[in-house]
Amino acid sequence: MNRVTLVIKKIDERKLREFKAEAIRRGLTLSEAIEQAIDLWLNKVNDEDEEERRANNEVFQKMKDEILSKYQDKYIVIAKGKFIGAFNSIQEVAETLKKLNVRQAIVFNPSKDAIKREGEWLGGSLSSASMEKDQQ
C-alpha cells in the first residue's frame, strides 16, 4: 500500500482537536483514524448508491409496461426512486440529471434499448461517451 503525505488547510480547529482526542482514546494514530473515517464514509456512499439503484429498478419494473407502450422514441429517466420524466433527446436528459445532481439513474429509450424477458433492463447507461455518440 502506498502512503502519501497529506496537508489539510482550513479545517475547523475544534473538530480536529476532538477527532485527535477520540483517536487517542481508541488507541489509534491520527493517520489510522483518518483512514478509518475515509473507509466509513466511502462505505456509506456505496450503500446509499446501492439503495438508490434498487429503488430505481423497482420503479422501472412497476412502470415497464407503461414505458414500453407510452414512451416510444423518448428517453425516460428514473432517479431518486421515482419517474423523473420522458425526454426527446439525450441532451435534455443530461441537463436534467445535472440539475438533479444524482449519482444513480436509469435512462431508457424503448425504441433503442432492449428488455430481457426476466425484466432486467439493458442499456440506460448514461455517460459522456454515449452522449457524444448519440450527438453524432
Protein backbone atom coordinates (compact mmCIF):
# COMPACT_ATOMS: atom_id res chain seq x y z
CA MET A 1 0.00 0.00 0.00
CA ASN A 2 1.36 3.39 -0.99
CA ARG A 3 1.48 6.06 1.68
CA VAL A 4 1.19 9.77 0.94
CA THR A 5 1.72 12.91 2.94
CA LEU A 6 -1.47 14.92 3.28
CA VAL A 7 -1.73 18.61 4.12
CA ILE A 8 -5.19 19.84 5.06
CA LYS A 9 -5.89 23.55 5.16
CA LYS A 10 -8.80 25.43 6.67
CA ILE A 11 -10.16 22.67 8.89
CA ASP A 12 -12.21 23.55 11.96
CA GLU A 13 -9.70 23.55 14.83
CA ARG A 14 -12.25 22.39 17.43
CA LYS A 15 -13.34 19.43 15.29
CA LEU A 16 -9.74 18.44 14.66
CA ARG A 17 -8.94 18.54 18.41
CA GLU A 18 -11.98 16.36 19.14
CA PHE A 19 -11.02 13.96 16.35
CA LYS A 20 -7.44 13.64 17.64
CA ALA A 21 -8.67 13.08 21.21
CA GLU A 22 -11.06 10.35 20.03
CA ALA A 23 -8.27 8.69 18.04
CA ILE A 24 -6.11 8.61 21.17
CA ARG A 25 -8.97 7.18 23.27
CA ARG A 26 -9.31 4.41 20.69
CA GLY A 27 -5.57 3.73 20.66
CA LEU A 28 -5.12 4.92 17.08
CA THR A 29 -2.68 7.23 15.42
CA LEU A 30 -4.19 10.23 13.64
CA SER A 31 -3.46 8.69 10.24
CA GLU A 32 -5.14 5.39 11.26
CA ALA A 33 -8.20 7.30 12.47
CA ILE A 34 -8.39 9.28 9.24
CA GLU A 35 -8.14 6.08 7.19
CA GLN A 36 -10.98 4.54 9.22
CA ALA A 37 -13.08 7.68 8.74
CA ILE A 38 -12.46 7.57 4.99
CA ASP A 39 -13.44 3.87 4.87
CA LEU A 40 -16.65 4.57 6.80
CA TRP A 41 -17.58 7.46 4.55
CA LEU A 42 -16.86 5.50 1.34
CA ASN A 43 -18.88 2.50 2.55
CA LYS A 44 -21.82 4.77 3.46
CA VAL A 45 -21.75 6.35 -0.01
CA ASN A 46 -21.64 2.92 -1.65
CA ASP A 47 -24.57 1.72 0.49
CA GLU A 48 -26.59 4.81 -0.46
CA ASP A 49 -25.79 4.23 -4.15
CA GLU A 50 -26.98 0.62 -3.88
CA GLU A 51 -30.21 1.69 -2.13
CA GLU A 52 -30.92 4.23 -4.85
CA ARG A 53 -30.11 1.70 -7.58
CA ARG A 54 -32.55 -0.76 -6.01
CA ALA A 55 -35.29 1.88 -5.70
CA ASN A 56 -34.79 2.98 -9.32
CA ASN A 57 -35.04 -0.61 -10.55
CA GLU A 58 -38.25 -1.17 -8.56
CA VAL A 59 -39.85 1.89 -10.16
CA PHE A 60 -38.72 0.71 -13.59
CA GLN A 61 -40.21 -2.75 -13.04
CA LYS A 62 -43.53 -1.28 -11.90
CA MET A 63 -43.69 1.08 -14.89
CA LYS A 64 -42.22 -1.25 -17.52
CA ASP A 65 -45.47 -1.89 -19.43
CA GLU A 66 -46.42 1.79 -19.39
CA ILE A 67 -42.94 2.79 -20.54
CA LEU A 68 -42.98 0.32 -23.43
CA SER A 69 -46.43 1.37 -24.63
CA LYS A 70 -46.45 5.09 -23.90
CA TYR A 71 -42.92 6.37 -24.37
CA GLN A 72 -41.62 5.01 -27.68
CA ASP A 73 -38.88 7.24 -29.13
CA LYS A 74 -38.50 9.05 -25.78
CA TYR A 75 -35.76 8.79 -23.18
CA ILE A 76 -37.32 8.04 -19.82
CA VAL A 77 -35.44 8.92 -16.67
CA ILE A 78 -35.86 7.28 -13.29
CA ALA A 79 -33.76 8.69 -10.46
CA LYS A 80 -34.00 9.06 -6.69
CA GLY A 81 -36.54 6.22 -6.69
CA LYS A 82 -39.09 7.98 -8.90
CA PHE A 83 -40.05 8.60 -12.51
CA ILE A 84 -38.48 11.94 -13.45
CA GLY A 85 -39.87 12.30 -16.95
CA ALA A 86 -39.75 11.46 -20.65
CA PHE A 87 -37.40 13.48 -22.86
CA ASN A 88 -36.89 13.90 -26.59
CA SER A 89 -33.09 13.97 -26.57
CA ILE A 90 -30.16 12.69 -24.58
CA GLN A 91 -29.06 16.33 -24.18
CA GLU A 92 -32.29 17.10 -22.29
CA VAL A 93 -31.63 14.04 -20.13
CA ALA A 94 -28.10 15.19 -19.35
CA GLU A 95 -29.27 18.70 -18.41
CA THR A 96 -31.99 17.29 -16.15
CA LEU A 97 -29.63 14.88 -14.40
CA LYS A 98 -27.08 17.63 -13.83
CA LYS A 99 -29.76 19.80 -12.21
CA LEU A 100 -30.88 16.89 -10.01
CA ASN A 101 -27.28 16.13 -9.06
CA VAL A 102 -27.86 12.36 -8.98
CA ARG A 103 -25.30 9.58 -8.78
CA GLN A 104 -27.61 6.78 -9.97
CA ALA A 105 -30.25 6.90 -12.69
CA ILE A 106 -31.96 4.73 -15.26
CA VAL A 107 -32.09 6.26 -18.71
CA PHE A 108 -34.08 4.11 -21.10
CA ASN A 109 -35.40 4.53 -24.63
CA PRO A 110 -37.86 1.73 -25.57
CA SER A 111 -37.13 2.12 -29.28
CA LYS A 112 -33.35 1.83 -28.77
CA ASP A 113 -32.82 -0.32 -25.65
CA ALA A 114 -33.89 -3.91 -25.06
CA ILE A 115 -35.52 -5.61 -22.09
CA LYS A 116 -34.94 -9.27 -21.33
CA ARG A 117 -37.99 -11.38 -20.58
CA GLU A 118 -36.95 -11.68 -16.95
CA GLY A 119 -37.39 -7.92 -16.70
CA GLU A 120 -33.76 -6.93 -16.46
CA TRP A 121 -33.22 -3.64 -18.22
CA LEU A 122 -30.34 -3.25 -20.59
CA GLY A 123 -28.86 -0.05 -21.85
CA GLY A 124 -29.81 3.01 -19.96
CA SER A 125 -26.26 3.79 -19.00
CA LEU A 126 -25.57 7.48 -19.35
CA SER A 127 -22.00 8.54 -19.85
CA SER A 128 -20.35 11.34 -21.72
CA ALA A 129 -19.12 8.82 -24.29
CA SER A 130 -22.63 7.57 -25.02
CA MET A 131 -23.96 11.13 -25.18
CA GLU A 132 -21.24 12.10 -27.66
CA LYS A 133 -22.05 9.02 -29.75
CA ASP A 134 -25.77 9.95 -29.84
CA GLN A 135 -24.95 13.52 -30.84
CA GLN A 136 -23.09 12.37 -33.96
